Amino acid sequence: MSDIVLESVLTCPHCGFAQRETMPTDACQFYYECEKCKKVLRPNPGDCCVFCSFGSVKCPPMQQEDRCCGRQ
């Protein structure tokens, strides 16, 4: 198993602004406010968090177990 990546670049689907963020290791992040346009991002249907929907890397629970937050 490879190492868990803790940083992901979130890209706002509204304005295209990209920001490198550190992901939480023990929980999913359901909301994220874009620094540029101030829109609040929420996960796409079927995704557990904003990193899985808009990040360059999926969240640590998904990387570690190929599932997230107890979901299979």
Foldseek 3Di string as FASTA:
>chain_A
DDDFDQWWWFADPPPRDTDIDGADQPAAAQWDADPPPRDIDGADPPARHSCCRGIPDHHNVCVVPVAPPPGD
